[in-house]
Structures are given as structure tokens and as C-alpha cells.
Amino acid sequence: MDMGRILLIILAVVAALFLVGPLLGFALGLLKWGLIIGGVAVAVVLASKWFGRA
């Protein structure tokens, strides 16, 4: 392997990390909000069942 190919591979890895970072952050943000909204929905359903019995 010549030096140019090694540098090209390193550049490709660094570029991939720059692209994956924000995408991973966005995906984790969506997951966080999905869990928050799901938790609130479960709490509302349980509260409505509990108040419906009382």
C-alpha cells in the first residue's frame, strides 16, 4: 500500500465519523422524545383507568 491510499482511507474514516455524529445525535434525540411522550401517554392511560374505577 502506498502512502496516498493510507491517507485516503484515514480521510474517509474521519469524514464518516463527522457524518455519523450528528445523525446519531438526531436519532438519540428522537428516541428520547419518543420515550418521554410514550411515558406520558402510559401515565395518562393508567390515571384515566384509576380515576374511572374510583
PDB file of N, CA and C in Angstrom:
ATOM      1  N   MET A   1       0.854  -1.200   0.000  1.00  0.00           N
ATOM      2  CA  MET A   1       0.000   0.000   0.000  1.00  0.00           C
ATOM      3  C   MET A   1       0.883   1.241   0.000  1.00  0.00           C
ATOM      4  N   ASP A   2       0.548   2.158  -0.844  1.00  0.00           N
ATOM      5  CA  ASP A   2       1.314   3.392  -0.847  1.00  0.00           C
ATOM      6  C   ASP A   2       0.721   4.398   0.142  1.00  0.00           C
ATOM      7  N   MET A   3       1.473   5.435   0.394  1.00  0.00           N
ATOM      8  CA  MET A   3       1.092   6.416   1.409  1.00  0.00           C
ATOM      9  C   MET A   3      -0.205   7.140   1.046  1.00  0.00           C
ATOM     10  N   GLY A   4      -0.433   7.409  -0.228  1.00  0.00           N
ATOM     11  CA  GLY A   4      -1.637   8.126  -0.645  1.00  0.00           C
ATOM     12  C   GLY A   4      -2.907   7.357  -0.327  1.00  0.00           C
ATOM     13  N   ARG A   5      -2.873   6.037  -0.533  1.00  0.00           N
ATOM     14  CA  ARG A   5      -4.057   5.219  -0.258  1.00  0.00           C
ATOM     15  C   ARG A   5      -4.345   5.178   1.244  1.00  0.00           C
ATOM     16  N   ILE A   6      -3.302   5.108   2.060  1.00  0.00           N
ATOM     17  CA  ILE A   6      -3.487   5.103   3.519  1.00  0.00           C
ATOM     18  C   ILE A   6      -4.103   6.427   3.972  1.00  0.00           C
ATOM     19  N   LEU A   7      -3.596   7.530   3.439  1.00  0.00           N
ATOM     20  CA  LEU A   7      -4.149   8.838   3.795  1.00  0.00           C
ATOM     21  C   LEU A   7      -5.591   8.971   3.331  1.00  0.00           C
ATOM     22  N   LEU A   8      -5.917   8.408   2.174  1.00  0.00           N
ATOM     23  CA  LEU A   8      -7.288   8.454   1.669  1.00  0.00           C
ATOM     24  C   LEU A   8      -8.228   7.656   2.569  1.00  0.00           C
ATOM     25  N   ILE A   9      -7.779   6.513   3.050  1.00  0.00           N
ATOM     26  CA  ILE A   9      -8.593   5.699   3.961  1.00  0.00           C
ATOM     27  C   ILE A   9      -8.814   6.443   5.275  1.00  0.00           C
ATOM     28  N   ILE A  10      -7.757   7.062   5.799  1.00  0.00           N
ATOM     29  CA  ILE A  10      -7.885   7.831   7.046  1.00  0.00           C
ATOM     30  C   ILE A  10      -8.853   8.986   6.855  1.00  0.00           C
ATOM     31  N   LEU A  11      -8.761   9.679   5.717  1.00  0.00           N
ATOM     32  CA  LEU A  11      -9.666  10.787   5.419  1.00  0.00           C
ATOM     33  C   LEU A  11     -11.112  10.303   5.321  1.00  0.00           C
ATOM     34  N   ALA A  12     -11.323   9.141   4.712  1.00  0.00           N
ATOM     35  CA  ALA A  12     -12.672   8.596   4.594  1.00  0.00           C
ATOM     36  C   ALA A  12     -13.239   8.243   5.969  1.00  0.00           C
ATOM     37  N   VAL A  13     -12.420   7.686   6.847  1.00  0.00           N
ATOM     38  CA  VAL A  13     -12.877   7.335   8.201  1.00  0.00           C
ATOM     39  C   VAL A  13     -13.240   8.588   8.982  1.00  0.00           C
ATOM     40  N   VAL A  14     -12.416   9.624   8.892  1.00  0.00           N
ATOM     41  CA  VAL A  14     -12.694  10.876   9.598  1.00  0.00           C
ATOM     42  C   VAL A  14     -13.971  11.519   9.057  1.00  0.00           C
ATOM     43  N   ALA A  15     -14.154  11.519   7.738  1.00  0.00           N
ATOM     44  CA  ALA A  15     -15.362  12.093   7.138  1.00  0.00           C
ATOM     45  C   ALA A  15     -16.598  11.302   7.574  1.00  0.00           C
ATOM     46  N   ALA A  16     -16.490   9.976   7.641  1.00  0.00           N
ATOM     47  CA  ALA A  16     -17.623   9.156   8.079  1.00  0.00           C
ATOM     48  C   ALA A  16     -17.982   9.464   9.522  1.00  0.00           C
ATOM     49  N   LEU A  17     -16.982   9.661  10.372  1.00  0.00           N
ATOM     50  CA  LEU A  17     -17.265   9.996  11.775  1.00  0.00           C
ATOM     51  C   LEU A  17     -17.942  11.362  11.883  1.00  0.00           C
ATOM     52  N   PHE A  18     -17.520  12.321  11.059  1.00  0.00           N
ATOM     53  CA  PHE A  18     -18.167  13.631  11.067  1.00  0.00           C
ATOM     54  C   PHE A  18     -19.625  13.539  10.634  1.00  0.00           C
ATOM     55  N   LEU A  19     -19.930  12.634   9.696  1.00  0.00           N
ATOM     56  CA  LEU A  19     -21.302  12.486   9.232  1.00  0.00           C
ATOM     57  C   LEU A  19     -22.147  11.676  10.203  1.00  0.00           C
ATOM     58  N   VAL A  20     -21.569  10.661  10.825  1.00  0.00           N
ATOM     59  CA  VAL A  20     -22.329   9.780  11.714  1.00  0.00           C
ATOM     60  C   VAL A  20     -22.652  10.475  13.033  1.00  0.00           C
ATOM     61  N   GLY A  21     -21.794  11.346  13.505  1.00  0.00           N
ATOM     62  CA  GLY A  21     -22.005  12.021  14.787  1.00  0.00           C
ATOM     63  C   GLY A  21     -23.334  12.754  14.880  1.00  0.00           C
ATOM     64  N   PRO A  22     -23.614  13.708  13.982  1.00  0.00           N
ATOM     65  CA  PRO A  22     -24.898  14.416  14.048  1.00  0.00           C
ATOM     66  C   PRO A  22     -26.101  13.505  13.805  1.00  0.00           C
ATOM     67  N   LEU A  23     -25.956  12.523  12.914  1.00  0.00           N
ATOM     68  CA  LEU A  23     -27.068  11.606  12.656  1.00  0.00           C
ATOM     69  C   LEU A  23     -27.380  10.777  13.901  1.00  0.00           C
ATOM     70  N   LEU A  24     -26.342  10.329  14.590  1.00  0.00           N
ATOM     71  CA  LEU A  24     -26.545   9.557  15.814  1.00  0.00           C
ATOM     72  C   LEU A  24     -27.174  10.433  16.893  1.00  0.00           C
ATOM     73  N   GLY A  25     -26.737  11.686  16.995  1.00  0.00           N
ATOM     74  CA  GLY A  25     -27.339  12.604  17.956  1.00  0.00           C
ATOM     75  C   GLY A  25     -28.806  12.855  17.658  1.00  0.00           C
ATOM     76  N   PHE A  26     -29.142  12.998  16.380  1.00  0.00           N
ATOM     77  CA  PHE A  26     -30.537  13.208  15.980  1.00  0.00           C
ATOM     78  C   PHE A  26     -31.387  11.990  16.306  1.00  0.00           C
ATOM     79  N   ALA A  27     -30.861  10.798  16.034  1.00  0.00           N
ATOM     80  CA  ALA A  27     -31.597   9.563  16.316  1.00  0.00           C
ATOM     81  C   ALA A  27     -31.815   9.400  17.817  1.00  0.00           C
ATOM     82  N   LEU A  28     -30.794   9.702  18.613  1.00  0.00           N
ATOM     83  CA  LEU A  28     -30.952   9.583  20.063  1.00  0.00           C
ATOM     84  C   LEU A  28     -31.919  10.634  20.599  1.00  0.00           C
ATOM     85  N   GLY A  29     -31.939  11.816  19.989  1.00  0.00           N
ATOM     86  CA  GLY A  29     -32.907  12.838  20.377  1.00  0.00           C
ATOM     87  C   GLY A  29     -34.331  12.399  20.094  1.00  0.00           C
ATOM     88  N   LEU A  30     -34.541  11.796  18.917  1.00  0.00           N
ATOM     89  CA  LEU A  30     -35.868  11.273  18.597  1.00  0.00           C
ATOM     90  C   LEU A  30     -36.271  10.168  19.564  1.00  0.00           C
ATOM     91  N   LEU A  31     -35.331   9.293  19.899  1.00  0.00           N
ATOM     92  CA  LEU A  31     -35.627   8.216  20.839  1.00  0.00           C
ATOM     93  C   LEU A  31     -35.991   8.782  22.211  1.00  0.00           C
ATOM     94  N   LYS A  32     -35.259   9.798  22.650  1.00  0.00           N
ATOM     95  CA  LYS A  32     -35.548  10.413  23.948  1.00  0.00           C
ATOM     96  C   LYS A  32     -36.960  10.993  23.971  1.00  0.00           C
ATOM     97  N   TRP A  33     -37.325  11.752  22.931  1.00  0.00           N
ATOM     98  CA  TRP A  33     -38.652  12.356  22.910  1.00  0.00           C
ATOM     99  C   TRP A  33     -39.741  11.303  22.763  1.00  0.00           C
ATOM    100  N   GLY A  34     -39.451  10.238  22.019  1.00  0.00           N
ATOM    101  CA  GLY A  34     -40.414   9.142  21.906  1.00  0.00           C
ATOM    102  C   GLY A  34     -40.661   8.481  23.249  1.00  0.00           C
ATOM    103  N   LEU A  35     -39.605   8.285  24.019  1.00  0.00           N
ATOM    104  CA  LEU A  35     -39.765   7.689  25.346  1.00  0.00           C
ATOM    105  C   LEU A  35     -40.522   8.619  26.287  1.00  0.00           C
ATOM    106  N   ILE A  36     -40.255   9.917  26.205  1.00  0.00           N
ATOM    107  CA  ILE A  36     -40.955  10.881  27.062  1.00  0.00           C
ATOM    108  C   ILE A  36     -42.445  10.899  26.721  1.00  0.00           C
ATOM    109  N   ILE A  37     -42.759  10.989  25.424  1.00  0.00           N
ATOM    110  CA  ILE A  37     -44.165  11.031  25.015  1.00  0.00           C
ATOM    111  C   ILE A  37     -44.860   9.715  25.350  1.00  0.00           C
ATOM    112  N   GLY A  38     -44.178   8.589  25.143  1.00  0.00           N
ATOM    113  CA  GLY A  38     -44.747   7.288  25.499  1.00  0.00           C
ATOM    114  C   GLY A  38     -45.003   7.166  26.986  1.00  0.00           C
ATOM    115  N   GLY A  39     -44.076   7.653  27.800  1.00  0.00           N
ATOM    116  CA  GLY A  39     -44.265   7.617  29.251  1.00  0.00           C
ATOM    117  C   GLY A  39     -45.443   8.461  29.700  1.00  0.00           C
ATOM    118  N   VAL A  40     -45.595   9.627  29.098  1.00  0.00           N
ATOM    119  CA  VAL A  40     -46.730  10.490  29.432  1.00  0.00           C
ATOM    120  C   VAL A  40     -48.033   9.817  29.006  1.00  0.00           C
ATOM    121  N   ALA A  41     -48.045   9.190  27.828  1.00  0.00           N
ATOM    122  CA  ALA A  41     -49.259   8.520  27.348  1.00  0.00           C
ATOM    123  C   ALA A  41     -49.636   7.362  28.274  1.00  0.00           C
ATOM    124  N   VAL A  42     -48.657   6.574  28.704  1.00  0.00           N
ATOM    125  CA  VAL A  42     -48.935   5.463  29.632  1.00  0.00           C
ATOM    126  C   VAL A  42     -49.463   6.007  30.951  1.00  0.00           C
ATOM    127  N   ALA A  43     -48.889   7.097  31.445  1.00  0.00           N
ATOM    128  CA  ALA A  43     -49.354   7.686  32.704  1.00  0.00           C
ATOM    129  C   ALA A  43     -50.797   8.180  32.569  1.00  0.00           C
ATOM    130  N   VAL A  44     -51.130   8.777  31.432  1.00  0.00           N
ATOM    131  CA  VAL A  44     -52.494   9.262  31.217  1.00  0.00           C
ATOM    132  C   VAL A  44     -53.476   8.097  31.167  1.00  0.00           C
ATOM    133  N   VAL A  45     -53.112   7.012  30.485  1.00  0.00           N
ATOM    134  CA  VAL A  45     -53.998   5.855  30.400  1.00  0.00           C
ATOM    135  C   VAL A  45     -54.194   5.233  31.786  1.00  0.00           C
ATOM    136  N   LEU A  46     -53.120   5.079  32.534  1.00  0.00           N
ATOM    137  CA  LEU A  46     -53.244   4.494  33.870  1.00  0.00           C
ATOM    138  C   LEU A  46     -54.048   5.406  34.797  1.00  0.00           C
ATOM    139  N   ALA A  47     -53.847   6.716  34.705  1.00  0.00           N
ATOM    140  CA  ALA A  47     -54.606   7.637  35.541  1.00  0.00           C
ATOM    141  C   ALA A  47     -56.079   7.618  35.175  1.00  0.00           C
ATOM    142  N   SER A  48     -56.381   7.523  33.885  1.00  0.00           N
ATOM    143  CA  SER A  48     -57.790   7.513  33.500  1.00  0.00           C
ATOM    144  C   SER A  48     -58.462   6.229  33.949  1.00  0.00           C
ATOM    145  N   LYS A  49     -57.757   5.108  33.899  1.00  0.00           N
ATOM    146  CA  LYS A  49     -58.327   3.846  34.396  1.00  0.00           C
ATOM    147  C   LYS A  49     -58.530   3.916  35.909  1.00  0.00           C
ATOM    148  N   TRP A  50     -57.555   4.470  36.614  1.00  0.00           N
ATOM    149  CA  TRP A  50     -57.625   4.530  38.073  1.00  0.00           C
ATOM    150  C   TRP A  50     -58.741   5.472  38.514  1.00  0.00           C
ATOM    151  N   PHE A  51     -58.868   6.618  37.847  1.00  0.00           N
ATOM    152  CA  PHE A  51     -59.936   7.552  38.207  1.00  0.00           C
ATOM    153  C   PHE A  51     -61.308   7.033  37.733  1.00  0.00           C
ATOM    154  N   GLY A  52     -61.307   6.198  36.704  1.00  0.00           N
ATOM    155  CA  GLY A  52     -62.559   5.632  36.236  1.00  0.00           C
ATOM    156  C   GLY A  52     -63.130   4.632  37.244  1.00  0.00           C
ATOM    157  N   ARG A  53     -62.275   3.918  37.961  1.00  0.00           N
ATOM    158  CA  ARG A  53     -62.721   2.959  38.969  1.00  0.00           C
ATOM    159  C   ARG A  53     -63.157   3.636  40.246  1.00  0.00           C
ATOM    160  N   ALA A  54     -62.479   4.721  40.587  1.00  0.00           N
ATOM    161  CA  ALA A  54     -62.717   5.384  41.880  1.00  0.00           C
ATOM    162  C   ALA A  54     -64.082   6.080  41.917  1.00  0.00           C
TER     163      ALA A  54
END
